[in-house]
Protein backbone atom coordinates (compact mmCIF):
# COMPACT_ATOMS: atom_id res chain seq x y z
CA UNK A 1 0.00 0.00 0.00
CA UNK A 2 2.95 2.30 0.55
CA UNK A 3 3.58 2.48 -3.19
CA UNK A 4 0.01 3.58 -3.80
CA UNK A 5 0.21 6.16 -1.02
CA UNK A 6 3.43 7.55 -2.51
CA UNK A 7 1.85 7.69 -5.97
CA UNK A 8 -1.17 9.57 -4.66
CA UNK A 9 1.08 11.95 -2.74
CA UNK A 10 3.28 12.67 -5.76
CA UNK A 11 0.41 13.13 -8.20
CA UNK A 12 -1.75 15.28 -5.94
CA UNK A 13 0.78 17.14 -3.84
CA UNK A 14 -0.92 15.91 -0.66
CA UNK A 15 1.20 15.04 2.35
CA UNK A 16 1.75 11.35 3.15
CA UNK A 17 -0.77 11.21 6.02
CA UNK A 18 -3.54 12.72 3.90
CA UNK A 19 -2.66 10.49 0.96
CA UNK A 20 -2.75 7.40 3.19
CA UNK A 21 -6.15 8.40 4.50
CA UNK A 22 -7.45 8.95 0.95
CA UNK A 23 -6.17 5.53 -0.16
CA UNK A 24 -7.79 3.86 2.85
CA UNK A 25 -11.11 5.55 2.07
CA UNK A 26 -11.01 4.40 -1.55
CA UNK A 27 -10.04 0.84 -0.59
CA UNK A 28 -12.84 0.72 1.96
CA UNK A 29 -15.30 2.01 -0.61
CA UNK A 30 -14.24 -0.56 -3.21
CA UNK A 31 -14.28 -3.43 -0.70
CA UNK A 32 -17.82 -2.48 0.27
CA UNK A 33 -18.95 -2.51 -3.35
CA UNK A 34 -17.14 -5.60 -4.63
CA UNK A 35 -18.59 -9.07 -4.11
CA UNK A 36 -16.56 -11.56 -2.14
CA UNK A 37 -13.98 -12.85 -2.73
CA UNK A 38 -12.94 -9.76 -4.73
CA UNK A 39 -13.01 -7.45 -1.70
CA UNK A 40 -10.60 -9.68 0.19
CA UNK A 41 -8.41 -10.06 -2.86
CA UNK A 42 -8.25 -6.31 -3.24
CA UNK A 43 -6.96 -6.00 0.32
CA UNK A 44 -4.36 -8.70 -0.33
CA UNK A 45 -3.31 -7.15 -3.63
CA UNK A 46 -3.02 -3.60 -2.28
CA UNK A 47 -0.99 -4.48 0.76
CA UNK A 48 -2.49 -7.07 3.04
CA UNK A 49 -0.62 -10.00 1.44
CA UNK A 50 2.98 -11.08 1.59
CA UNK A 51 5.50 -9.27 -0.63
CA UNK A 52 5.55 -10.77 -4.10
CA UNK A 53 2.33 -12.63 -3.47
CA UNK A 54 -0.52 -12.01 -5.87
CA UNK A 55 -4.07 -13.22 -5.67
CA UNK A 56 -5.03 -16.27 -7.73
CA UNK A 57 -7.52 -14.67 -10.09
CA UNK A 58 -7.72 -17.79 -12.25
CA UNK A 59 -9.41 -19.77 -9.51
CA UNK A 60 -12.19 -17.20 -9.34
CA UNK A 61 -13.19 -17.77 -12.92
CA UNK A 62 -13.24 -21.55 -12.97
CA UNK A 63 -9.52 -22.01 -13.55
CA UNK A 64 -7.56 -23.91 -11.04
CA UNK A 65 -4.56 -25.91 -10.19
C-alpha atoms as a PDB file:
ATOM      1  CA  UNK A   1       0.000   0.000   0.000  1.00  0.00           C
ATOM      2  CA  UNK A   2       2.952   2.298   0.551  1.00  0.00           C
ATOM      3  CA  UNK A   3       3.584   2.477  -3.193  1.00  0.00           C
ATOM      4  CA  UNK A   4       0.014   3.579  -3.801  1.00  0.00           C
ATOM      5  CA  UNK A   5       0.212   6.158  -1.020  1.00  0.00           C
ATOM      6  CA  UNK A   6       3.429   7.549  -2.513  1.00  0.00           C
ATOM      7  CA  UNK A   7       1.854   7.685  -5.973  1.00  0.00           C
ATOM      8  CA  UNK A   8      -1.168   9.574  -4.659  1.00  0.00           C
ATOM      9  CA  UNK A   9       1.081  11.946  -2.737  1.00  0.00           C
ATOM     10  CA  UNK A  10       3.275  12.670  -5.761  1.00  0.00           C
ATOM     11  CA  UNK A  11       0.413  13.132  -8.199  1.00  0.00           C
ATOM     12  CA  UNK A  12      -1.753  15.279  -5.937  1.00  0.00           C
ATOM     13  CA  UNK A  13       0.779  17.143  -3.839  1.00  0.00           C
ATOM     14  CA  UNK A  14      -0.916  15.908  -0.660  1.00  0.00           C
ATOM     15  CA  UNK A  15       1.204  15.035   2.354  1.00  0.00           C
ATOM     16  CA  UNK A  16       1.749  11.353   3.155  1.00  0.00           C
ATOM     17  CA  UNK A  17      -0.769  11.210   6.017  1.00  0.00           C
ATOM     18  CA  UNK A  18      -3.544  12.718   3.900  1.00  0.00           C
ATOM     19  CA  UNK A  19      -2.662  10.487   0.956  1.00  0.00           C
ATOM     20  CA  UNK A  20      -2.749   7.397   3.185  1.00  0.00           C
ATOM     21  CA  UNK A  21      -6.153   8.399   4.501  1.00  0.00           C
ATOM     22  CA  UNK A  22      -7.448   8.947   0.949  1.00  0.00           C
ATOM     23  CA  UNK A  23      -6.167   5.533  -0.155  1.00  0.00           C
ATOM     24  CA  UNK A  24      -7.793   3.857   2.845  1.00  0.00           C
ATOM     25  CA  UNK A  25     -11.113   5.549   2.073  1.00  0.00           C
ATOM     26  CA  UNK A  26     -11.011   4.395  -1.551  1.00  0.00           C
ATOM     27  CA  UNK A  27     -10.040   0.836  -0.593  1.00  0.00           C
ATOM     28  CA  UNK A  28     -12.845   0.718   1.961  1.00  0.00           C
ATOM     29  CA  UNK A  29     -15.304   2.014  -0.615  1.00  0.00           C
ATOM     30  CA  UNK A  30     -14.243  -0.564  -3.207  1.00  0.00           C
ATOM     31  CA  UNK A  31     -14.282  -3.427  -0.701  1.00  0.00           C
ATOM     32  CA  UNK A  32     -17.815  -2.476   0.269  1.00  0.00           C
ATOM     33  CA  UNK A  33     -18.953  -2.512  -3.352  1.00  0.00           C
ATOM     34  CA  UNK A  34     -17.141  -5.602  -4.633  1.00  0.00           C
ATOM     35  CA  UNK A  35     -18.594  -9.066  -4.109  1.00  0.00           C
ATOM     36  CA  UNK A  36     -16.563 -11.562  -2.137  1.00  0.00           C
ATOM     37  CA  UNK A  37     -13.978 -12.848  -2.735  1.00  0.00           C
ATOM     38  CA  UNK A  38     -12.938  -9.761  -4.729  1.00  0.00           C
ATOM     39  CA  UNK A  39     -13.007  -7.453  -1.703  1.00  0.00           C
ATOM     40  CA  UNK A  40     -10.599  -9.684   0.192  1.00  0.00           C
ATOM     41  CA  UNK A  41      -8.413 -10.064  -2.857  1.00  0.00           C
ATOM     42  CA  UNK A  42      -8.248  -6.306  -3.241  1.00  0.00           C
ATOM     43  CA  UNK A  43      -6.961  -5.995   0.316  1.00  0.00           C
ATOM     44  CA  UNK A  44      -4.363  -8.699  -0.333  1.00  0.00           C
ATOM     45  CA  UNK A  45      -3.311  -7.145  -3.627  1.00  0.00           C
ATOM     46  CA  UNK A  46      -3.021  -3.597  -2.276  1.00  0.00           C
ATOM     47  CA  UNK A  47      -0.992  -4.477   0.759  1.00  0.00           C
ATOM     48  CA  UNK A  48      -2.493  -7.072   3.038  1.00  0.00           C
ATOM     49  CA  UNK A  49      -0.621 -10.004   1.443  1.00  0.00           C
ATOM     50  CA  UNK A  50       2.978 -11.075   1.590  1.00  0.00           C
ATOM     51  CA  UNK A  51       5.505  -9.267  -0.631  1.00  0.00           C
ATOM     52  CA  UNK A  52       5.553 -10.767  -4.099  1.00  0.00           C
ATOM     53  CA  UNK A  53       2.327 -12.630  -3.465  1.00  0.00           C
ATOM     54  CA  UNK A  54      -0.519 -12.009  -5.874  1.00  0.00           C
ATOM     55  CA  UNK A  55      -4.072 -13.224  -5.673  1.00  0.00           C
ATOM     56  CA  UNK A  56      -5.027 -16.272  -7.728  1.00  0.00           C
ATOM     57  CA  UNK A  57      -7.519 -14.672 -10.085  1.00  0.00           C
ATOM     58  CA  UNK A  58      -7.720 -17.790 -12.250  1.00  0.00           C
ATOM     59  CA  UNK A  59      -9.413 -19.775  -9.514  1.00  0.00           C
ATOM     60  CA  UNK A  60     -12.187 -17.199  -9.336  1.00  0.00           C
ATOM     61  CA  UNK A  61     -13.187 -17.773 -12.924  1.00  0.00           C
ATOM     62  CA  UNK A  62     -13.243 -21.550 -12.974  1.00  0.00           C
ATOM     63  CA  UNK A  63      -9.519 -22.009 -13.547  1.00  0.00           C
ATOM     64  CA  UNK A  64      -7.557 -23.907 -11.037  1.00  0.00           C
ATOM     65  CA  UNK A  65      -4.560 -25.912 -10.194  1.00  0.00           C
END
